[in-house]
């Protein structure tokens, strides 16, 4: 199976449904499970400074593969 499809199917197999009436985010253990998985996968792909915030934001930096001063880009 295509690796991208395999990854996607794994993501959607996780129970990440939010818990109604809860003010905290992420609101369930399933959401934390996905966030931790994403963090681990970013680190395995070579991203550096990978962080997971208490509000569930995963961020990392992909180091440049060329020399020189080039503009940065961000993906959300």
PDB file of N, CA and C in Angstrom:
ATOM      1  N   UNK A   1       0.849  -1.174   0.000  1.00  0.00           N
ATOM      2  CA  UNK A   1       0.000   0.000   0.000  1.00  0.00           C
ATOM      3  C   UNK A   1       0.899   1.243   0.000  1.00  0.00           C
ATOM      4  N   UNK A   2       0.465   2.265  -0.675  1.00  0.00           N
ATOM      5  CA  UNK A   2       1.184   3.537  -0.719  1.00  0.00           C
ATOM      6  C   UNK A   2       1.397   4.067   0.698  1.00  0.00           C
ATOM      7  N   UNK A   3       2.625   4.516   1.009  1.00  0.00           N
ATOM      8  CA  UNK A   3       2.962   4.956   2.371  1.00  0.00           C
ATOM      9  C   UNK A   3       2.084   6.120   2.833  1.00  0.00           C
ATOM     10  N   UNK A   4       1.793   7.059   1.927  1.00  0.00           N
ATOM     11  CA  UNK A   4       0.943   8.195   2.281  1.00  0.00           C
ATOM     12  C   UNK A   4      -0.463   7.723   2.646  1.00  0.00           C
ATOM     13  N   UNK A   5      -1.015   6.829   1.853  1.00  0.00           N
ATOM     14  CA  UNK A   5      -2.344   6.291   2.136  1.00  0.00           C
ATOM     15  C   UNK A   5      -2.340   5.506   3.444  1.00  0.00           C
ATOM     16  N   UNK A   6      -1.298   4.722   3.654  1.00  0.00           N
ATOM     17  CA  UNK A   6      -1.181   3.942   4.887  1.00  0.00           C
ATOM     18  C   UNK A   6      -1.178   4.862   6.116  1.00  0.00           C
ATOM     19  N   UNK A   7      -0.412   5.949   6.029  1.00  0.00           N
ATOM     20  CA  UNK A   7      -0.351   6.907   7.133  1.00  0.00           C
ATOM     21  C   UNK A   7      -1.715   7.548   7.383  1.00  0.00           C
ATOM     22  N   UNK A   8      -2.359   7.975   6.288  1.00  0.00           N
ATOM     23  CA  UNK A   8      -3.673   8.610   6.400  1.00  0.00           C
ATOM     24  C   UNK A   8      -4.681   7.661   7.045  1.00  0.00           C
ATOM     25  N   UNK A   9      -4.712   6.429   6.600  1.00  0.00           N
ATOM     26  CA  UNK A   9      -5.661   5.461   7.160  1.00  0.00           C
ATOM     27  C   UNK A   9      -5.389   5.208   8.639  1.00  0.00           C
ATOM     28  N   UNK A  10      -4.123   5.244   9.031  1.00  0.00           N
ATOM     29  CA  UNK A  10      -3.804   5.093  10.456  1.00  0.00           C
ATOM     30  C   UNK A  10      -4.329   6.292  11.248  1.00  0.00           C
ATOM     31  N   UNK A  11      -4.117   7.502  10.713  1.00  0.00           N
ATOM     32  CA  UNK A  11      -4.598   8.710  11.399  1.00  0.00           C
ATOM     33  C   UNK A  11      -6.115   8.654  11.613  1.00  0.00           C
ATOM     34  N   UNK A  12      -6.854   8.310  10.567  1.00  0.00           N
ATOM     35  CA  UNK A  12      -8.313   8.319  10.686  1.00  0.00           C
ATOM     36  C   UNK A  12      -8.843   7.147  11.499  1.00  0.00           C
ATOM     37  N   UNK A  13      -8.005   6.141  11.761  1.00  0.00           N
ATOM     38  CA  UNK A  13      -8.450   5.018  12.589  1.00  0.00           C
ATOM     39  C   UNK A  13      -8.419   5.364  14.080  1.00  0.00           C
ATOM     40  N   UNK A  14      -7.704   6.430  14.439  1.00  0.00           N
ATOM     41  CA  UNK A  14      -7.618   6.837  15.841  1.00  0.00           C
ATOM     42  C   UNK A  14      -8.882   7.586  16.250  1.00  0.00           C
ATOM     43  N   UNK A  15      -9.346   7.334  17.451  1.00  0.00           N
ATOM     44  CA  UNK A  15     -10.534   8.023  17.961  1.00  0.00           C
ATOM     45  C   UNK A  15     -10.114   9.394  18.487  1.00  0.00           C
ATOM     46  N   UNK A  16     -10.337  10.418  17.669  1.00  0.00           N
ATOM     47  CA  UNK A  16      -9.939  11.778  18.042  1.00  0.00           C
ATOM     48  C   UNK A  16     -11.143  12.695  18.234  1.00  0.00           C
ATOM     49  N   UNK A  17     -12.320  12.099  18.381  1.00  0.00           N
ATOM     50  CA  UNK A  17     -13.523  12.905  18.577  1.00  0.00           C
ATOM     51  C   UNK A  17     -13.392  13.717  19.863  1.00  0.00           C
ATOM     52  N   UNK A  18     -13.828  14.968  19.804  1.00  0.00           N
ATOM     53  CA  UNK A  18     -13.747  15.824  20.992  1.00  0.00           C
ATOM     54  C   UNK A  18     -14.815  15.435  22.008  1.00  0.00           C
ATOM     55  N   UNK A  19     -14.596  15.840  23.248  1.00  0.00           N
ATOM     56  CA  UNK A  19     -15.531  15.542  24.329  1.00  0.00           C
ATOM     57  C   UNK A  19     -16.406  16.779  24.557  1.00  0.00           C
ATOM     58  N   UNK A  20     -17.716  16.661  24.314  1.00  0.00           N
ATOM     59  CA  UNK A  20     -18.611  17.807  24.483  1.00  0.00           C
ATOM     60  C   UNK A  20     -18.597  18.345  25.917  1.00  0.00           C
ATOM     61  N   UNK A  21     -18.699  19.647  26.032  1.00  0.00           N
ATOM     62  CA  UNK A  21     -18.800  20.275  27.344  1.00  0.00           C
ATOM     63  C   UNK A  21     -17.488  20.454  28.072  1.00  0.00           C
ATOM     64  N   UNK A  22     -16.396  20.050  27.449  1.00  0.00           N
ATOM     65  CA  UNK A  22     -15.086  20.183  28.086  1.00  0.00           C
ATOM     66  C   UNK A  22     -14.405  21.429  27.535  1.00  0.00           C
ATOM     67  N   UNK A  23     -13.881  22.258  28.442  1.00  0.00           N
ATOM     68  CA  UNK A  23     -13.271  23.515  28.018  1.00  0.00           C
ATOM     69  C   UNK A  23     -11.808  23.379  27.612  1.00  0.00           C
ATOM     70  N   UNK A  24     -11.161  22.304  28.037  1.00  0.00           N
ATOM     71  CA  UNK A  24      -9.743  22.149  27.717  1.00  0.00           C
ATOM     72  C   UNK A  24      -9.562  21.624  26.295  1.00  0.00           C
ATOM     73  N   UNK A  25      -8.458  22.002  25.693  1.00  0.00           N
ATOM     74  CA  UNK A  25      -8.094  21.483  24.379  1.00  0.00           C
ATOM     75  C   UNK A  25      -6.641  21.034  24.424  1.00  0.00           C
ATOM     76  N   UNK A  26      -6.348  19.898  23.869  1.00  0.00           N
ATOM     77  CA  UNK A  26      -7.233  18.839  23.409  1.00  0.00           C
ATOM     78  C   UNK A  26      -8.097  18.288  24.550  1.00  0.00           C
ATOM     79  N   UNK A  27      -9.246  17.775  24.183  1.00  0.00           N
ATOM     80  CA  UNK A  27     -10.211  17.371  25.209  1.00  0.00           C
ATOM     81  C   UNK A  27     -10.231  15.870  25.497  1.00  0.00           C
ATOM     82  N   UNK A  28      -9.495  15.076  24.718  1.00  0.00           N
ATOM     83  CA  UNK A  28      -9.516  13.626  24.949  1.00  0.00           C
ATOM     84  C   UNK A  28      -8.114  13.026  24.837  1.00  0.00           C
ATOM     85  N   UNK A  29      -7.951  11.851  25.409  1.00  0.00           N
ATOM     86  CA  UNK A  29      -6.685  11.120  25.309  1.00  0.00           C
ATOM     87  C   UNK A  29      -6.391  10.733  23.859  1.00  0.00           C
ATOM     88  N   UNK A  30      -7.445  10.444  23.094  1.00  0.00           N
ATOM     89  CA  UNK A  30      -7.255  10.091  21.687  1.00  0.00           C
ATOM     90  C   UNK A  30      -6.629  11.225  20.893  1.00  0.00           C
ATOM     91  N   UNK A  31      -7.010  12.449  21.210  1.00  0.00           N
ATOM     92  CA  UNK A  31      -6.417  13.604  20.540  1.00  0.00           C
ATOM     93  C   UNK A  31      -4.940  13.727  20.911  1.00  0.00           C
ATOM     94  N   UNK A  32      -4.610  13.504  22.184  1.00  0.00           N
ATOM     95  CA  UNK A  32      -3.214  13.541  22.616  1.00  0.00           C
ATOM     96  C   UNK A  32      -2.413  12.432  21.941  1.00  0.00           C
ATOM     97  N   UNK A  33      -3.033  11.280  21.759  1.00  0.00           N
ATOM     98  CA  UNK A  33      -2.347  10.158  21.112  1.00  0.00           C
ATOM     99  C   UNK A  33      -1.933  10.545  19.690  1.00  0.00           C
ATOM    100  N   UNK A  34      -2.842  11.163  18.937  1.00  0.00           N
ATOM    101  CA  UNK A  34      -2.527  11.594  17.578  1.00  0.00           C
ATOM    102  C   UNK A  34      -1.444  12.671  17.587  1.00  0.00           C
ATOM    103  N   UNK A  35      -1.553  13.635  18.483  1.00  0.00           N
ATOM    104  CA  UNK A  35      -0.556  14.707  18.557  1.00  0.00           C
ATOM    105  C   UNK A  35       0.835  14.156  18.861  1.00  0.00           C
ATOM    106  N   UNK A  36       0.934  13.230  19.789  1.00  0.00           N
ATOM    107  CA  UNK A  36       2.227  12.625  20.117  1.00  0.00           C
ATOM    108  C   UNK A  36       2.769  11.804  18.947  1.00  0.00           C
ATOM    109  N   UNK A  37       1.882  11.126  18.235  1.00  0.00           N
ATOM    110  CA  UNK A  37       2.287  10.372  17.052  1.00  0.00           C
ATOM    111  C   UNK A  37       2.857  11.317  15.995  1.00  0.00           C
ATOM    112  N   UNK A  38       2.174  12.434  15.750  1.00  0.00           N
ATOM    113  CA  UNK A  38       2.649  13.410  14.770  1.00  0.00           C
ATOM    114  C   UNK A  38       4.010  13.972  15.174  1.00  0.00           C
ATOM    115  N   UNK A  39       4.175  14.255  16.454  1.00  0.00           N
ATOM    116  CA  UNK A  39       5.456  14.768  16.956  1.00  0.00           C
ATOM    117  C   UNK A  39       6.570  13.755  16.694  1.00  0.00           C
ATOM    118  N   UNK A  40       6.328  12.499  17.015  1.00  0.00           N
ATOM    119  CA  UNK A  40       7.321  11.441  16.797  1.00  0.00           C
ATOM    120  C   UNK A  40       7.657  11.296  15.315  1.00  0.00           C
ATOM    121  N   UNK A  41       6.651  11.380  14.459  1.00  0.00           N
ATOM    122  CA  UNK A  41       6.884  11.221  13.029  1.00  0.00           C
ATOM    123  C   UNK A  41       7.674  12.394  12.455  1.00  0.00           C
ATOM    124  N   UNK A  42       7.414  13.607  12.928  1.00  0.00           N
ATOM    125  CA  UNK A  42       8.190  14.764  12.472  1.00  0.00           C
ATOM    126  C   UNK A  42       9.656  14.610  12.864  1.00  0.00           C
ATOM    127  N   UNK A  43       9.895  14.151  14.087  1.00  0.00           N
ATOM    128  CA  UNK A  43      11.274  13.925  14.538  1.00  0.00           C
ATOM    129  C   UNK A  43      11.949  12.844  13.694  1.00  0.00           C
ATOM    130  N   UNK A  44      11.223  11.784  13.378  1.00  0.00           N
ATOM    131  CA  UNK A  44      11.771  10.695  12.567  1.00  0.00           C
ATOM    132  C   UNK A  44      12.089  11.151  11.143  1.00  0.00           C
ATOM    133  N   UNK A  45      11.374  12.159  10.650  1.00  0.00           N
ATOM    134  CA  UNK A  45      11.618  12.695   9.308  1.00  0.00           C
ATOM    135  C   UNK A  45      12.773  13.688   9.278  1.00  0.00           C
ATOM    136  N   UNK A  46      13.345  13.980  10.438  1.00  0.00           N
ATOM    137  CA  UNK A  46      14.501  14.860  10.474  1.00  0.00           C
ATOM    138  C   UNK A  46      14.224  16.298  10.850  1.00  0.00           C
ATOM    139  N   UNK A  47      12.996  16.616  11.238  1.00  0.00           N
ATOM    140  CA  UNK A  47      12.726  17.970  11.699  1.00  0.00           C
ATOM    141  C   UNK A  47      13.387  18.175  13.056  1.00  0.00           C
ATOM    142  N   UNK A  48      13.771  19.407  13.328  1.00  0.00           N
ATOM    143  CA  UNK A  48      14.426  19.728  14.594  1.00  0.00           C
ATOM    144  C   UNK A  48      13.545  20.688  15.381  1.00  0.00           C
ATOM    145  N   UNK A  49      13.859  20.821  16.648  1.00  0.00           N
ATOM    146  CA  UNK A  49      13.094  21.708  17.540  1.00  0.00           C
ATOM    147  C   UNK A  49      11.597  21.398  17.498  1.00  0.00           C
ATOM    148  N   UNK A  50      11.246  20.114  17.451  1.00  0.00           N
ATOM    149  CA  UNK A  50       9.838  19.715  17.409  1.00  0.00           C
ATOM    150  C   UNK A  50       9.251  19.874  18.805  1.00  0.00           C
ATOM    151  N   UNK A  51       8.130  20.582  18.877  1.00  0.00           N
ATOM    152  CA  UNK A  51       7.480  20.824  20.162  1.00  0.00           C
ATOM    153  C   UNK A  51       6.000  20.489  20.078  1.00  0.00           C
ATOM    154  N   UNK A  52       5.444  20.157  21.225  1.00  0.00           N
ATOM    155  CA  UNK A  52       4.010  19.921  21.374  1.00  0.00           C
ATOM    156  C   UNK A  52       3.557  20.767  22.550  1.00  0.00           C
ATOM    157  N   UNK A  53       2.704  21.756  22.280  1.00  0.00           N
ATOM    158  CA  UNK A  53       2.272  22.668  23.338  1.00  0.00           C
ATOM    159  C   UNK A  53       1.149  22.055  24.165  1.00  0.00           C
ATOM    160  N   UNK A  54       0.888  22.662  25.307  1.00  0.00           N
ATOM    161  CA  UNK A  54      -0.190  22.183  26.183  1.00  0.00           C
ATOM    162  C   UNK A  54      -1.563  22.362  25.543  1.00  0.00           C
ATOM    163  N   UNK A  55      -1.665  23.195  24.517  1.00  0.00           N
ATOM    164  CA  UNK A  55      -2.926  23.397  23.797  1.00  0.00           C
ATOM    165  C   UNK A  55      -3.031  22.531  22.544  1.00  0.00           C
ATOM    166  N   UNK A  56      -2.011  21.695  22.299  1.00  0.00           N
ATOM    167  CA  UNK A  56      -2.087  20.752  21.193  1.00  0.00           C
ATOM    168  C   UNK A  56      -1.524  21.240  19.875  1.00  0.00           C
ATOM    169  N   UNK A  57      -0.624  22.198  19.908  1.00  0.00           N
ATOM    170  CA  UNK A  57       0.014  22.671  18.685  1.00  0.00           C
ATOM    171  C   UNK A  57       1.348  21.949  18.513  1.00  0.00           C
ATOM    172  N   UNK A  58       1.525  21.309  17.357  1.00  0.00           N
ATOM    173  CA  UNK A  58       2.778  20.627  17.050  1.00  0.00           C
ATOM    174  C   UNK A  58       3.539  21.492  16.047  1.00  0.00           C
ATOM    175  N   UNK A  59       4.792  21.805  16.383  1.00  0.00           N
ATOM    176  CA  UNK A  59       5.617  22.623  15.488  1.00  0.00           C
ATOM    177  C   UNK A  59       7.005  22.019  15.378  1.00  0.00           C
ATOM    178  N   UNK A  60       7.636  22.231  14.236  1.00  0.00           N
ATOM    179  CA  UNK A  60       9.003  21.780  14.042  1.00  0.00           C
ATOM    180  C   UNK A  60       9.656  22.567  12.928  1.00  0.00           C
ATOM    181  N   UNK A  61      10.968  22.436  12.833  1.00  0.00           N
ATOM    182  CA  UNK A  61      11.744  23.141  11.821  1.00  0.00           C
ATOM    183  C   UNK A  61      12.437  22.131  10.923  1.00  0.00           C
ATOM    184  N   UNK A  62      12.278  22.317   9.623  1.00  0.00           N
ATOM    185  CA  UNK A  62      12.989  21.500   8.644  1.00  0.00           C
ATOM    186  C   UNK A  62      14.215  22.297   8.217  1.00  0.00           C
ATOM    187  N   UNK A  63      15.405  21.824   8.588  1.00  0.00           N
ATOM    188  CA  UNK A  63      16.612  22.577   8.249  1.00  0.00           C
ATOM    189  C   UNK A  63      16.781  22.723   6.731  1.00  0.00           C
ATOM    190  N   UNK A  64      17.361  23.850   6.329  1.00  0.00           N
ATOM    191  CA  UNK A  64      17.619  24.098   4.908  1.00  0.00           C
ATOM    192  C   UNK A  64      18.596  23.062   4.366  1.00  0.00           C
ATOM    193  N   UNK A  65      18.455  22.746   3.095  1.00  0.00           N
ATOM    194  CA  UNK A  65      19.377  21.797   2.471  1.00  0.00           C
ATOM    195  C   UNK A  65      20.268  22.485   1.436  1.00  0.00           C
ATOM    196  N   UNK A  66      20.272  23.829   1.450  1.00  0.00           N
ATOM    197  CA  UNK A  66      21.155  24.607   0.578  1.00  0.00           C
ATOM    198  C   UNK A  66      21.811  25.699   1.405  1.00  0.00           C
ATOM    199  N   UNK A  67      22.938  26.172   0.922  1.00  0.00           N
ATOM    200  CA  UNK A  67      23.632  27.256   1.606  1.00  0.00           C
ATOM    201  C   UNK A  67      23.040  28.596   1.189  1.00  0.00           C
ATOM    202  N   UNK A  68      23.226  29.576   2.032  1.00  0.00           N
ATOM    203  CA  UNK A  68      22.792  30.925   1.694  1.00  0.00           C
ATOM    204  C   UNK A  68      21.641  31.377   2.562  1.00  0.00           C
ATOM    205  N   UNK A  69      21.393  32.659   2.491  1.00  0.00           N
ATOM    206  CA  UNK A  69      20.316  33.275   3.260  1.00  0.00           C
ATOM    207  C   UNK A  69      19.050  33.282   2.416  1.00  0.00           C
ATOM    208  N   UNK A  70      18.123  32.416   2.757  1.00  0.00           N
ATOM    209  CA  UNK A  70      16.884  32.308   1.987  1.00  0.00           C
ATOM    210  C   UNK A  70      15.697  32.554   2.903  1.00  0.00           C
ATOM    211  N   UNK A  71      14.573  33.029   2.355  1.00  0.00           N
ATOM    212  CA  UNK A  71      13.393  33.276   3.189  1.00  0.00           C
ATOM    213  C   UNK A  71      12.822  31.978   3.758  1.00  0.00           C
ATOM    214  N   UNK A  72      12.243  32.088   4.926  1.00  0.00           N
ATOM    215  CA  UNK A  72      11.579  30.946   5.566  1.00  0.00           C
ATOM    216  C   UNK A  72      10.127  30.889   5.107  1.00  0.00           C
ATOM    217  N   UNK A  73       9.530  29.715   5.243  1.00  0.00           N
ATOM    218  CA  UNK A  73       8.118  29.541   4.906  1.00  0.00           C
ATOM    219  C   UNK A  73       7.465  28.737   6.023  1.00  0.00           C
ATOM    220  N   UNK A  74       6.208  28.994   6.293  1.00  0.00           N
ATOM    221  CA  UNK A  74       5.485  28.257   7.316  1.00  0.00           C
ATOM    222  C   UNK A  74       4.236  27.617   6.743  1.00  0.00           C
ATOM    223  N   UNK A  75       3.905  26.431   7.216  1.00  0.00           N
ATOM    224  CA  UNK A  75       2.696  25.725   6.794  1.00  0.00           C
ATOM    225  C   UNK A  75       1.804  25.520   8.006  1.00  0.00           C
ATOM    226  N   UNK A  76       0.528  25.783   7.824  1.00  0.00           N
ATOM    227  CA  UNK A  76      -0.428  25.606   8.915  1.00  0.00           C
ATOM    228  C   UNK A  76      -1.446  24.567   8.499  1.00  0.00           C
TER     229      UNK A  76
END
